[in-house]
Amino acid sequence: PTPEKTPPRHITAAIRDAVKYFGTDLGFLPDDVSARSLRAAGANALLLANVDTNIIRLIGRWKSDEMLRYLHVQAAPLMQDYARRMVTGGEYNLLPNAQLVPQALLPAHDAVPMR
């Protein structure tokens, strides 16, 4: 015998019931989630586990780069602070090989902050 498939609407109802049970402390409402949310959340969990995007595409049965849209939307809250961290994360040089470039070609010191 073949196993019976659970209709997506039943999965959606179960997920929404769970969200109702836990309340708004989760940061989203029952209508914000559905059975389809599991696909994007699973892809995002794999991405955060450093699984190659080609493997994620295979597991999720994506035939195009549409998966990247899911990952971008899902990862946005996780990446909120990255811009600040990129700028304040340490010492770096905008022109790492500046000592090899003739001074006449370098921008004025007041034009580009250099460290």
Foldseek 3Di string as FASTA:
>chain_A
DDDDDDDQQVQLVVQQVVDVVVDCVVVDHSVVDGSVLVLLVVLLVCVVVVNDNVVNCVVSVPPDCVSVVSNCVVCVVVCVCVVVCVVPVDDDFPDPVVVVDPPVPDDDCVVDPGD
